[in-house]
Amino acid sequence: MDLSQPTKENVEFMIEAIKTKLRMASGAAMQASHFQVDRYEDIKDIYDMVQSKDKFSISEVEALVSELGKLRG
């Protein structure tokens, strides 16, 4: 998937990938449709960081979820 363009589809793809990678139990509360394309770069930064790691501590997951919560529209 080409993530170089800030599209709604790319935002949805990245949010779903983040939720999967973090194994978020509260994933249903983090709907991709709640994120706006104008926050694309911030979402992409989180996506890139999540994809670069294999494991996350509980505090890392909490921090990432908190950041995503701030980006919700």
Protein backbone atom coordinates (compact mmCIF):
# COMPACT_ATOMS: atom_id res chain seq x y z
CA MET A 1 0.00 0.00 0.00
CA ASP A 2 1.30 3.46 -0.91
CA LEU A 3 1.16 5.53 2.28
CA SER A 4 2.80 8.59 0.76
CA GLN A 5 -0.56 10.27 0.08
CA PRO A 6 -2.75 11.65 2.89
CA THR A 7 -6.02 9.91 2.05
CA LYS A 8 -8.87 8.72 4.25
CA GLU A 9 -8.18 5.16 3.10
CA ASN A 10 -4.54 5.41 4.19
CA VAL A 11 -5.56 6.80 7.59
CA GLU A 12 -7.98 3.90 8.04
CA PHE A 13 -5.33 1.37 6.99
CA MET A 14 -2.75 2.79 9.42
CA ILE A 15 -5.17 2.94 12.37
CA GLU A 16 -6.24 -0.67 11.79
CA ALA A 17 -2.60 -1.77 11.50
CA ILE A 18 -1.71 0.03 14.74
CA LYS A 19 -4.63 -1.58 16.56
CA THR A 20 -3.62 -5.02 15.30
CA LYS A 21 0.05 -4.62 16.15
CA LEU A 22 -0.70 -3.32 19.65
CA ARG A 23 -3.34 -6.02 20.17
CA MET A 24 -5.66 -3.39 21.56
CA ALA A 25 -8.44 -4.85 23.65
CA SER A 26 -10.27 -1.55 23.32
CA GLY A 27 -9.82 -1.49 19.57
CA ALA A 28 -13.53 -1.08 18.98
CA ALA A 29 -13.38 2.29 20.74
CA MET A 30 -10.64 3.43 18.35
CA GLN A 31 -12.61 3.62 15.09
CA ALA A 32 -10.58 4.65 12.05
CA SER A 33 -13.47 6.85 10.94
CA HIS A 34 -12.82 9.10 13.96
CA PHE A 35 -9.51 10.27 12.50
CA GLN A 36 -9.23 13.10 10.02
CA VAL A 37 -6.87 13.28 7.06
CA ASP A 38 -5.52 16.63 8.30
CA ARG A 39 -3.77 14.71 11.13
CA TYR A 40 -2.17 12.36 8.58
CA GLU A 41 1.47 13.16 9.35
CA ASP A 42 0.99 12.62 13.08
CA ILE A 43 -0.80 9.31 12.47
CA LYS A 44 1.90 8.27 10.00
CA ASP A 45 4.61 8.99 12.58
CA ILE A 46 2.87 6.73 15.12
CA TYR A 47 2.28 4.07 12.46
CA ASP A 48 5.96 4.08 11.42
CA MET A 49 7.11 3.78 15.03
CA VAL A 50 4.68 0.95 15.80
CA GLN A 51 5.71 -0.95 12.68
CA SER A 52 9.40 -0.62 13.53
CA LYS A 53 9.10 -2.51 16.84
CA ASP A 54 8.27 -6.13 17.58
CA LYS A 55 7.20 -5.77 21.21
CA PHE A 56 5.77 -3.03 23.38
CA SER A 57 5.65 -2.56 27.13
CA ILE A 58 2.35 -1.79 28.78
CA SER A 59 3.45 1.80 29.36
CA GLU A 60 4.40 2.17 25.69
CA VAL A 61 0.99 0.89 24.60
CA GLU A 62 -0.72 3.28 27.02
CA ALA A 63 1.34 6.20 25.71
CA LEU A 64 0.56 5.33 22.09
CA VAL A 65 -3.14 4.94 22.80
CA SER A 66 -3.09 8.29 24.58
CA GLU A 67 -1.44 9.95 21.60
CA LEU A 68 -3.96 8.41 19.22
CA GLY A 69 -6.74 9.64 21.47
CA LYS A 70 -5.43 13.20 21.12
CA LEU A 71 -5.51 12.86 17.32
CA ARG A 72 -9.14 11.77 17.12
CA GLY A 73 -11.38 14.25 15.37
